[in-house]
N, C-alpha and C. Protein backbone atom coordinates (compact mmCIF):
# COMPACT_ATOMS: atom_id res chain seq x y z
N UNK A 1 -97.86 91.18 82.81
CA UNK A 1 -96.89 91.51 81.80
C UNK A 1 -95.67 90.60 81.90
N UNK A 2 -95.40 90.12 83.14
CA UNK A 2 -94.24 89.25 83.31
C UNK A 2 -94.42 87.94 82.55
N UNK A 3 -95.65 87.42 82.48
CA UNK A 3 -95.91 86.19 81.75
C UNK A 3 -95.61 86.37 80.27
N UNK A 4 -95.83 87.59 79.75
CA UNK A 4 -95.53 87.86 78.35
C UNK A 4 -94.03 87.76 78.09
N UNK A 5 -93.23 88.31 79.00
CA UNK A 5 -91.77 88.23 78.85
C UNK A 5 -91.30 86.78 78.89
N UNK A 6 -91.88 85.99 79.79
CA UNK A 6 -91.52 84.58 79.88
C UNK A 6 -91.92 83.84 78.61
N UNK A 7 -93.13 84.09 78.14
CA UNK A 7 -93.61 83.46 76.92
C UNK A 7 -92.74 83.84 75.73
N UNK A 8 -92.38 85.10 75.62
CA UNK A 8 -91.53 85.56 74.54
C UNK A 8 -90.14 84.90 74.62
N UNK A 9 -89.61 84.75 75.83
CA UNK A 9 -88.31 84.10 76.01
C UNK A 9 -88.34 82.65 75.56
N UNK A 10 -89.40 81.94 75.93
CA UNK A 10 -89.54 80.54 75.52
C UNK A 10 -89.67 80.46 74.01
N UNK A 11 -90.45 81.33 73.41
CA UNK A 11 -90.62 81.35 71.96
C UNK A 11 -89.29 81.63 71.25
N UNK A 12 -88.52 82.59 71.74
CA UNK A 12 -87.24 82.95 71.13
C UNK A 12 -86.25 81.78 71.22
N UNK A 13 -86.22 81.11 72.36
CA UNK A 13 -85.32 79.95 72.51
C UNK A 13 -85.73 78.82 71.58
N UNK A 14 -87.02 78.57 71.47
CA UNK A 14 -87.51 77.53 70.57
C UNK A 14 -87.15 77.83 69.13
N UNK A 15 -87.32 79.06 68.73
CA UNK A 15 -86.98 79.47 67.37
C UNK A 15 -85.49 79.30 67.12
N UNK A 16 -84.68 79.66 68.09
CA UNK A 16 -83.23 79.50 67.96
C UNK A 16 -82.82 78.05 67.81
N UNK A 17 -83.43 77.16 68.58
CA UNK A 17 -83.11 75.74 68.48
C UNK A 17 -83.54 75.17 67.14
N UNK A 18 -84.71 75.55 66.66
CA UNK A 18 -85.17 75.07 65.36
C UNK A 18 -84.26 75.55 64.24
N UNK A 19 -83.85 76.79 64.30
CA UNK A 19 -82.97 77.34 63.27
C UNK A 19 -81.61 76.65 63.31
N UNK A 20 -81.07 76.43 64.48
CA UNK A 20 -79.76 75.78 64.61
C UNK A 20 -79.81 74.36 64.09
N UNK A 21 -80.88 73.64 64.35
CA UNK A 21 -80.95 72.26 63.90
C UNK A 21 -81.15 72.16 62.39
N UNK A 22 -81.73 73.17 61.76
CA UNK A 22 -81.95 73.11 60.32
C UNK A 22 -80.74 73.56 59.53
N UNK A 23 -79.72 74.12 60.18
CA UNK A 23 -78.55 74.61 59.48
C UNK A 23 -77.33 73.73 59.79
N UNK A 24 -77.56 72.50 60.16
CA UNK A 24 -76.46 71.62 60.53
C UNK A 24 -75.52 71.34 59.38
N UNK A 25 -76.00 71.27 58.18
CA UNK A 25 -75.15 70.95 57.05
C UNK A 25 -75.13 69.46 56.78
N UNK A 26 -74.08 69.02 56.10
CA UNK A 26 -73.95 67.64 55.69
C UNK A 26 -73.00 66.91 56.63
N UNK A 27 -73.22 65.61 56.78
CA UNK A 27 -72.38 64.79 57.64
C UNK A 27 -71.84 63.61 56.84
N UNK A 28 -70.54 63.38 56.96
CA UNK A 28 -69.88 62.28 56.27
C UNK A 28 -69.32 61.33 57.32
N UNK A 29 -69.67 60.06 57.19
CA UNK A 29 -69.12 59.03 58.08
C UNK A 29 -68.07 58.25 57.29
N UNK A 30 -66.88 58.14 57.86
CA UNK A 30 -65.79 57.43 57.20
C UNK A 30 -65.75 55.97 57.66
N UNK A 31 -65.11 55.13 56.87
CA UNK A 31 -65.02 53.70 57.17
C UNK A 31 -64.31 53.45 58.50
N UNK A 32 -63.41 54.33 58.90
CA UNK A 32 -62.68 54.14 60.16
C UNK A 32 -63.46 54.65 61.38
N UNK A 33 -64.68 55.17 61.17
CA UNK A 33 -65.52 55.63 62.26
C UNK A 33 -65.52 57.13 62.48
N UNK A 34 -64.61 57.86 61.83
CA UNK A 34 -64.58 59.31 61.96
C UNK A 34 -65.83 59.92 61.33
N UNK A 35 -66.26 61.06 61.85
CA UNK A 35 -67.41 61.78 61.32
C UNK A 35 -66.97 63.20 61.00
N UNK A 36 -67.27 63.66 59.78
CA UNK A 36 -66.91 65.00 59.34
C UNK A 36 -68.18 65.77 59.04
N UNK A 37 -68.21 67.04 59.43
CA UNK A 37 -69.36 67.91 59.16
C UNK A 37 -68.93 69.04 58.26
N UNK A 38 -69.81 69.45 57.37
CA UNK A 38 -69.53 70.55 56.46
C UNK A 38 -70.56 70.59 55.36
N UNK A 39 -70.13 71.04 54.19
CA UNK A 39 -71.02 71.13 53.03
C UNK A 39 -70.41 70.33 51.89
N UNK A 40 -71.16 69.36 51.35
CA UNK A 40 -70.69 68.59 50.21
C UNK A 40 -70.71 69.51 48.99
N UNK A 41 -69.52 69.70 48.41
CA UNK A 41 -69.37 70.57 47.24
C UNK A 41 -69.57 69.78 45.96
N UNK A 42 -68.96 68.59 45.89
CA UNK A 42 -69.15 67.72 44.73
C UNK A 42 -69.08 66.27 45.17
N UNK A 43 -69.70 65.43 44.36
CA UNK A 43 -69.82 64.02 44.71
C UNK A 43 -69.92 63.22 43.43
N UNK A 44 -69.02 62.25 43.26
CA UNK A 44 -69.13 61.33 42.13
C UNK A 44 -68.72 59.94 42.60
N UNK A 45 -68.56 59.01 41.70
CA UNK A 45 -68.25 57.64 42.07
C UNK A 45 -66.88 57.44 42.68
N UNK A 46 -65.97 58.38 42.46
CA UNK A 46 -64.60 58.21 42.94
C UNK A 46 -64.21 59.14 44.08
N UNK A 47 -64.84 60.33 44.14
CA UNK A 47 -64.38 61.34 45.08
C UNK A 47 -65.54 62.15 45.64
N UNK A 48 -65.39 62.56 46.89
CA UNK A 48 -66.32 63.46 47.54
C UNK A 48 -65.52 64.67 48.00
N UNK A 49 -66.01 65.87 47.70
CA UNK A 49 -65.34 67.09 48.14
C UNK A 49 -66.23 67.75 49.19
N UNK A 50 -65.67 67.95 50.38
CA UNK A 50 -66.39 68.51 51.52
C UNK A 50 -65.73 69.81 51.93
N UNK A 51 -66.54 70.86 52.12
CA UNK A 51 -66.03 72.13 52.62
C UNK A 51 -66.38 72.22 54.10
N UNK A 52 -65.34 72.31 54.93
CA UNK A 52 -65.50 72.37 56.37
C UNK A 52 -65.04 73.73 56.87
N UNK A 53 -65.78 74.32 57.81
CA UNK A 53 -65.36 75.60 58.39
C UNK A 53 -64.03 75.45 59.12
N UNK A 54 -63.81 74.33 59.74
CA UNK A 54 -62.60 74.11 60.52
C UNK A 54 -61.43 73.60 59.69
N UNK A 55 -61.69 72.67 58.76
CA UNK A 55 -60.62 71.99 58.03
C UNK A 55 -60.43 72.48 56.60
N UNK A 56 -61.29 73.36 56.11
CA UNK A 56 -61.18 73.83 54.73
C UNK A 56 -61.80 72.83 53.77
N UNK A 57 -61.26 72.76 52.55
CA UNK A 57 -61.80 71.87 51.53
C UNK A 57 -61.07 70.53 51.58
N UNK A 58 -61.84 69.46 51.74
CA UNK A 58 -61.27 68.12 51.84
C UNK A 58 -61.72 67.29 50.65
N UNK A 59 -60.77 66.58 50.02
CA UNK A 59 -61.09 65.64 48.95
C UNK A 59 -60.95 64.24 49.53
N UNK A 60 -62.05 63.49 49.52
CA UNK A 60 -62.08 62.17 50.13
C UNK A 60 -62.32 61.10 49.08
N UNK A 61 -61.57 60.02 49.16
CA UNK A 61 -61.78 58.86 48.29
C UNK A 61 -63.10 58.21 48.71
N UNK A 62 -63.98 57.96 47.75
CA UNK A 62 -65.30 57.39 48.08
C UNK A 62 -65.19 56.02 48.73
N UNK A 63 -64.09 55.30 48.48
CA UNK A 63 -63.91 53.98 49.10
C UNK A 63 -63.77 54.10 50.62
N UNK A 64 -63.37 55.27 51.10
CA UNK A 64 -63.18 55.48 52.54
C UNK A 64 -64.42 56.04 53.22
N UNK A 65 -65.48 56.31 52.43
CA UNK A 65 -66.72 56.89 52.96
C UNK A 65 -67.74 55.77 53.17
N UNK A 66 -68.25 55.66 54.41
CA UNK A 66 -69.24 54.62 54.68
C UNK A 66 -70.67 55.14 54.61
N UNK A 67 -70.88 56.45 54.88
CA UNK A 67 -72.24 57.01 54.82
C UNK A 67 -72.16 58.51 54.55
N UNK A 68 -73.17 59.00 53.83
CA UNK A 68 -73.29 60.42 53.51
C UNK A 68 -74.68 60.86 53.93
N UNK A 69 -74.76 61.92 54.72
CA UNK A 69 -76.05 62.49 55.13
C UNK A 69 -76.10 63.93 54.63
N UNK A 70 -76.91 64.17 53.61
CA UNK A 70 -77.08 65.52 53.07
C UNK A 70 -78.21 66.18 53.83
N UNK A 71 -77.87 67.15 54.66
CA UNK A 71 -78.87 67.73 55.55
C UNK A 71 -79.27 66.66 56.55
N UNK A 72 -80.52 66.27 56.55
CA UNK A 72 -80.96 65.19 57.45
C UNK A 72 -81.35 63.94 56.67
N UNK A 73 -80.98 63.88 55.37
CA UNK A 73 -81.35 62.74 54.54
C UNK A 73 -80.11 61.89 54.23
N UNK A 74 -80.12 60.60 54.60
CA UNK A 74 -78.97 59.75 54.27
C UNK A 74 -78.94 59.43 52.79
N UNK A 75 -77.74 59.31 52.25
CA UNK A 75 -77.53 58.93 50.85
C UNK A 75 -76.92 57.55 50.85
N UNK A 76 -77.46 56.67 50.04
CA UNK A 76 -76.95 55.31 49.99
C UNK A 76 -75.56 55.30 49.37
N UNK A 77 -74.62 54.62 50.01
CA UNK A 77 -73.28 54.49 49.47
C UNK A 77 -73.06 53.05 49.03
N UNK A 78 -72.20 52.88 48.05
CA UNK A 78 -71.94 51.56 47.52
C UNK A 78 -70.95 50.84 48.43
N UNK A 79 -71.33 49.69 48.91
CA UNK A 79 -70.47 48.91 49.78
C UNK A 79 -69.57 48.02 48.94
N UNK A 80 -68.35 47.83 49.40
CA UNK A 80 -67.44 46.93 48.71
C UNK A 80 -67.93 45.50 48.87
N UNK A 81 -67.72 44.69 47.83
CA UNK A 81 -68.13 43.29 47.89
C UNK A 81 -67.24 42.54 48.86
N UNK A 82 -67.81 41.62 49.64
CA UNK A 82 -66.99 40.86 50.58
C UNK A 82 -65.99 39.98 49.84
N UNK A 83 -64.82 39.82 50.43
CA UNK A 83 -63.78 38.98 49.83
C UNK A 83 -63.95 37.57 50.36
N UNK A 84 -64.01 36.61 49.42
CA UNK A 84 -64.17 35.21 49.81
C UNK A 84 -62.86 34.69 50.37
N UNK A 85 -62.94 33.98 51.48
CA UNK A 85 -61.74 33.40 52.09
C UNK A 85 -61.46 32.02 51.54
N UNK A 86 -60.28 31.52 51.80
CA UNK A 86 -59.93 30.16 51.39
C UNK A 86 -60.62 29.17 52.32
N UNK A 87 -61.21 28.10 51.76
CA UNK A 87 -61.90 27.12 52.63
C UNK A 87 -60.96 26.32 53.48
């Protein structure tokens, strides 16, 4: 019977880890290297609105966003064109 308790404990821990990893939410990487976690509320070409449990609702300029990960899927962001230097 003790093996059943051990097996049940391992199963419960595994289920907890799977559930926790699937509820991570969205991740936003900023151009300065900061990473924000939360839920993307809206997204357009100029602004991203992120709802964070810790920081509340944040409105971010899309120019400052380097990467967007919705759940575990990355979203392609538009990169600024390089500026040509003087020869």
